[in-house]
C-alpha cells in the first residue's frame, strides 16, 4: 500500500478523508505483526529486527499524519462533524500503530519467542487481531463515504453492521488470548520466569490492538450518527 505525504493534502482534503488516510497508515503497521512473529518464532532475529525497524518507520508515518491532522484540522462552524470527535478518532486509531511498535520492540529487545507448541494458536490470535483492525478501518472508510451521501440511512445501517462485526472479532480475540494464556501456563517450566512475564505481556498487548480497533469503530459510528 502506497502512503502519500499527509501535509500536502491536509488543507484540501475533507476531514474524514484525512481520518481514513491515517487509519490506513495505522493498519499498514498492524499488518506487519504476523510477519514479525513468523521471523521471531523461526529464530531469524536478523529478519525480525528488519521487520521491527519497518514497523517503527510505518508508525512514524502514522505519527506524522496524526500531527498534521492536529495542527491543520479546520476550526469553526463550517466543519461537517465535530472537531473534538475527529481528534478523538485519530488518537484512538494511533494507538493501534503504537501498540504494534511496542510489541515488536519488546520482543526484539529480549529476543522473545513463544514455545513452539503455541505457534498455531498464536498465529490464529494475531490473524484475528489484524482482522479486527482491518474491519475497523472499513468502518472509517464507510463513514467517509457516508459523509459524501449526506449521511443516508442505508449507509448508516451498513456502518452499524460493520461495527457489530468488529465487536464479534474482538470477542473472538479475547477468547483466543485466554486460551493462549492457559497454554503458556502449561509451559512455564520450560522458559525463564522473566521471559514468561514478558510473554504474558505480549499476549495482552496484542489483544489491545483489537480493543483499540473496536473503539475506533465505535467512535466512527458516533461521527456517522452526529
Protein backbone atom coordinates (compact mmCIF):
# COMPACT_ATOMS: atom_id res chain seq x y z
CA UNK A 1 0.00 0.00 0.00
CA UNK A 2 1.43 3.40 -1.02
CA UNK A 3 1.08 6.14 1.56
CA UNK A 4 1.06 9.74 0.33
CA UNK A 5 2.65 12.53 2.37
CA UNK A 6 -0.06 13.96 4.58
CA UNK A 7 0.88 17.65 4.74
CA UNK A 8 0.35 18.36 1.06
CA UNK A 9 -3.28 17.28 1.25
CA UNK A 10 -4.45 18.15 4.75
CA UNK A 11 -5.91 21.54 3.86
CA UNK A 12 -7.51 20.42 0.60
CA UNK A 13 -8.99 17.12 1.81
CA UNK A 14 -12.20 16.68 3.73
CA UNK A 15 -11.66 15.91 7.44
CA UNK A 16 -12.99 12.37 7.10
CA UNK A 17 -10.65 11.69 4.18
CA UNK A 18 -7.75 12.63 6.42
CA UNK A 19 -9.05 10.29 9.12
CA UNK A 20 -9.27 7.50 6.59
CA UNK A 21 -5.70 8.04 5.42
CA UNK A 22 -4.43 7.97 8.99
CA UNK A 23 -6.44 4.81 9.73
CA UNK A 24 -4.95 3.07 6.70
CA UNK A 25 -1.44 4.13 7.73
CA UNK A 26 -2.02 2.57 11.16
CA UNK A 27 -3.37 -0.59 9.54
CA UNK A 28 -0.27 -1.00 7.36
CA UNK A 29 1.72 -1.03 10.59
CA UNK A 30 -0.54 -3.60 12.28
CA UNK A 31 -0.45 -5.87 9.23
CA UNK A 32 3.33 -6.35 9.70
CA UNK A 33 2.76 -8.08 13.03
CA UNK A 34 2.28 -11.55 11.52
CA UNK A 35 5.50 -11.29 9.50
CA UNK A 36 7.40 -10.15 12.56
CA UNK A 37 6.32 -13.13 14.64
CA UNK A 38 6.95 -15.54 11.79
CA UNK A 39 10.58 -14.42 11.84
CA UNK A 40 10.77 -14.37 15.65
CA UNK A 41 9.28 -17.85 16.04
CA UNK A 42 11.76 -19.17 13.47
CA UNK A 43 14.63 -17.64 15.44
CA UNK A 44 15.53 -15.44 12.48
CA UNK A 45 16.34 -12.43 14.60
CA UNK A 46 18.15 -10.51 11.85
CA UNK A 47 14.99 -10.64 9.75
CA UNK A 48 12.84 -9.91 12.79
CA UNK A 49 14.90 -6.81 13.50
CA UNK A 50 14.44 -5.56 9.94
CA UNK A 51 10.68 -6.00 10.24
CA UNK A 52 10.73 -4.30 13.65
CA UNK A 53 12.52 -1.32 12.12
CA UNK A 54 9.98 -1.28 9.28
CA UNK A 55 7.15 -1.27 11.83
CA UNK A 56 8.81 1.67 13.61
CA UNK A 57 9.12 3.51 10.29
CA UNK A 58 5.46 2.91 9.44
CA UNK A 59 4.41 4.03 12.91
CA UNK A 60 6.39 7.19 12.27
CA UNK A 61 4.42 7.81 9.07
CA UNK A 62 1.16 7.42 11.01
CA UNK A 63 2.50 9.80 13.66
CA UNK A 64 3.32 12.40 11.01
CA UNK A 65 -0.22 12.23 9.63
CA UNK A 66 -1.59 12.49 13.18
CA UNK A 67 0.44 15.61 13.88
CA UNK A 68 -0.64 17.19 10.58
CA UNK A 69 -4.25 16.48 11.48
CA UNK A 70 -3.88 18.07 14.91
CA UNK A 71 -2.13 21.15 13.56
CA UNK A 72 -4.22 21.73 10.43
CA UNK A 73 -7.71 20.43 11.15
CA UNK A 74 -10.06 23.37 10.47
CA UNK A 75 -11.74 25.20 13.31
CA UNK A 76 -15.07 26.98 13.21
CA UNK A 77 -18.66 26.49 12.21
CA UNK A 78 -18.11 25.07 8.73
CA UNK A 79 -16.95 21.64 9.88
CA UNK A 80 -19.40 18.90 8.86
CA UNK A 81 -18.57 16.91 12.01
CA UNK A 82 -17.29 17.72 15.49
CA UNK A 83 -13.59 18.64 15.59
CA UNK A 84 -13.35 17.02 19.04
CA UNK A 85 -14.77 13.75 17.68
CA UNK A 86 -12.26 13.76 14.83
CA UNK A 87 -9.33 14.37 17.16
CA UNK A 88 -10.51 11.58 19.43
CA UNK A 89 -10.81 9.24 16.45
CA UNK A 90 -7.27 9.94 15.28
CA UNK A 91 -6.00 9.46 18.85
CA UNK A 92 -7.59 6.02 19.14
CA UNK A 93 -6.50 4.97 15.65
CA UNK A 94 -2.95 5.93 16.53
CA UNK A 95 -2.97 3.50 19.44
CA UNK A 96 -3.18 0.57 17.02
CA UNK A 97 0.12 1.57 15.40
CA UNK A 98 1.75 2.49 18.71
CA UNK A 99 0.81 -0.85 20.25
CA UNK A 100 2.25 -2.72 17.28
CA UNK A 101 5.55 -0.84 17.55
CA UNK A 102 5.73 -1.53 21.29
CA UNK A 103 5.04 -5.24 20.78
CA UNK A 104 7.80 -5.67 18.21
CA UNK A 105 10.16 -3.55 20.30
CA UNK A 106 9.61 -5.62 23.42
CA UNK A 107 10.02 -8.90 21.57
CA UNK A 108 13.16 -7.92 19.68
CA UNK A 109 14.71 -6.32 22.76
CA UNK A 110 14.75 -9.63 24.63
CA UNK A 111 14.57 -11.89 21.58
CA UNK A 112 11.30 -13.26 22.93
CA UNK A 113 9.60 -16.14 21.17
CA UNK A 114 6.70 -18.29 22.30
CA UNK A 115 7.05 -22.06 22.88
CA UNK A 116 6.78 -23.96 19.60
CA UNK A 117 3.58 -25.73 20.63
CA UNK A 118 1.85 -22.35 20.91
CA UNK A 119 2.64 -21.26 17.37
CA UNK A 120 -0.59 -22.38 15.71
CA UNK A 121 -2.92 -20.68 18.24
CA UNK A 122 -0.58 -17.67 18.35
CA UNK A 123 -0.87 -17.02 14.63
CA UNK A 124 -4.61 -17.61 14.77
CA UNK A 125 -4.76 -14.97 17.51
CA UNK A 126 -2.67 -12.50 15.52
CA UNK A 127 -4.74 -13.07 12.37
CA UNK A 128 -7.92 -12.36 14.34
CA UNK A 129 -6.48 -9.17 15.83
CA UNK A 130 -5.38 -7.93 12.40
CA UNK A 131 -8.87 -8.73 11.07
CA UNK A 132 -10.37 -6.52 13.78
CA UNK A 133 -8.12 -3.64 12.70
CA UNK A 134 -8.98 -4.18 9.04
CA UNK A 135 -12.71 -4.17 9.74
CA UNK A 136 -12.38 -1.05 11.89
CA UNK A 137 -10.67 0.76 9.02
CA UNK A 138 -13.55 -0.33 6.79
CA UNK A 139 -15.89 1.43 9.22
CA UNK A 140 -13.80 4.61 8.99
CA UNK A 141 -13.84 4.40 5.19
CA UNK A 142 -17.59 3.82 5.20
CA UNK A 143 -18.04 6.88 7.41
CA UNK A 144 -16.09 8.93 4.88
CA UNK A 145 -18.31 7.57 2.09
CA UNK A 146 -21.39 8.25 4.18
CA UNK A 147 -20.48 11.93 4.54
CA UNK A 148 -20.44 12.21 0.73
CA UNK A 149 -24.03 10.96 0.54
CA UNK A 150 -25.37 13.31 3.22
CA UNK A 151 -25.34 10.56 5.86
CA UNK A 152 -28.07 8.43 4.29
CA UNK A 153 -29.96 5.81 6.31
CA UNK A 154 -28.82 2.87 4.19
CA UNK A 155 -25.15 3.75 4.58
CA UNK A 156 -25.58 4.33 8.31
CA UNK A 157 -27.08 0.86 8.64
CA UNK A 158 -24.07 -0.63 6.83
CA UNK A 159 -21.74 1.10 9.30
CA UNK A 160 -23.72 -0.30 12.23
CA UNK A 161 -23.44 -3.79 10.73
CA UNK A 162 -19.68 -3.42 10.36
CA UNK A 163 -19.38 -2.22 13.94
CA UNK A 164 -21.14 -5.36 15.12
CA UNK A 165 -18.64 -7.38 13.08
CA UNK A 166 -15.72 -5.61 14.80
CA UNK A 167 -17.24 -6.35 18.20
CA UNK A 168 -17.62 -10.02 17.27
CA UNK A 169 -14.00 -10.26 16.10
CA UNK A 170 -12.78 -8.51 19.26
CA UNK A 171 -14.66 -11.00 21.45
CA UNK A 172 -13.08 -13.82 19.46
CA UNK A 173 -9.64 -12.33 20.06
CA UNK A 174 -10.36 -12.25 23.81
CA UNK A 175 -11.27 -15.94 23.71
CA UNK A 176 -8.11 -16.84 21.80
CA UNK A 177 -5.98 -14.80 24.18
CA UNK A 178 -7.46 -16.61 27.19
CA UNK A 179 -6.69 -20.00 25.62
CA UNK A 180 -3.14 -18.92 24.82
CA UNK A 181 -2.60 -17.78 28.39
CA UNK A 182 -3.70 -21.18 29.64
CA UNK A 183 -1.40 -22.96 27.19
CA UNK A 184 1.51 -20.69 28.15
CA UNK A 185 0.94 -21.53 31.81
CA UNK A 186 1.43 -25.20 30.95
CA UNK A 187 4.87 -24.36 29.51
CA UNK A 188 6.15 -22.05 32.24
CA UNK A 189 8.63 -24.67 33.44
CA UNK A 190 10.29 -24.62 30.00
CA UNK A 191 11.06 -20.88 29.99
CA UNK A 192 12.65 -18.43 32.39
CA UNK A 193 10.30 -16.68 34.84
CA UNK A 194 11.28 -13.26 33.43
CA UNK A 195 10.57 -14.36 29.86
CA UNK A 196 7.24 -15.81 30.98
CA UNK A 197 6.22 -12.45 32.43
CA UNK A 198 7.07 -10.66 29.20
CA UNK A 199 5.33 -13.29 27.06
CA UNK A 200 2.13 -12.77 29.03
CA UNK A 201 2.59 -9.03 28.50
CA UNK A 202 2.97 -9.58 24.75
CA UNK A 203 -0.29 -11.52 24.64
CA UNK A 204 -2.03 -8.70 26.47
CA UNK A 205 -0.62 -6.04 24.15
CA UNK A 206 -1.53 -7.98 21.01
CA UNK A 207 -5.09 -8.23 22.32
CA UNK A 208 -5.10 -4.48 22.99
CA UNK A 209 -4.88 -3.85 19.25
CA UNK A 210 -8.29 -5.48 18.81
CA UNK A 211 -9.62 -3.43 21.73
CA UNK A 212 -8.40 -0.24 20.06
CA UNK A 213 -9.96 -1.36 16.78
CA UNK A 214 -13.33 -1.78 18.48
CA UNK A 215 -13.06 1.72 19.97
CA UNK A 216 -12.17 3.12 16.53
CA UNK A 217 -15.31 1.60 15.03
CA UNK A 218 -17.47 2.94 17.87
CA UNK A 219 -16.05 6.46 17.53
CA UNK A 220 -16.54 6.39 13.76
CA UNK A 221 -20.13 5.28 14.30
CA UNK A 222 -20.69 8.21 16.67
CA UNK A 223 -19.37 10.56 13.97
CA UNK A 224 -21.64 8.96 11.38
CA UNK A 225 -24.66 9.40 13.66
CA UNK A 226 -23.87 13.02 14.52
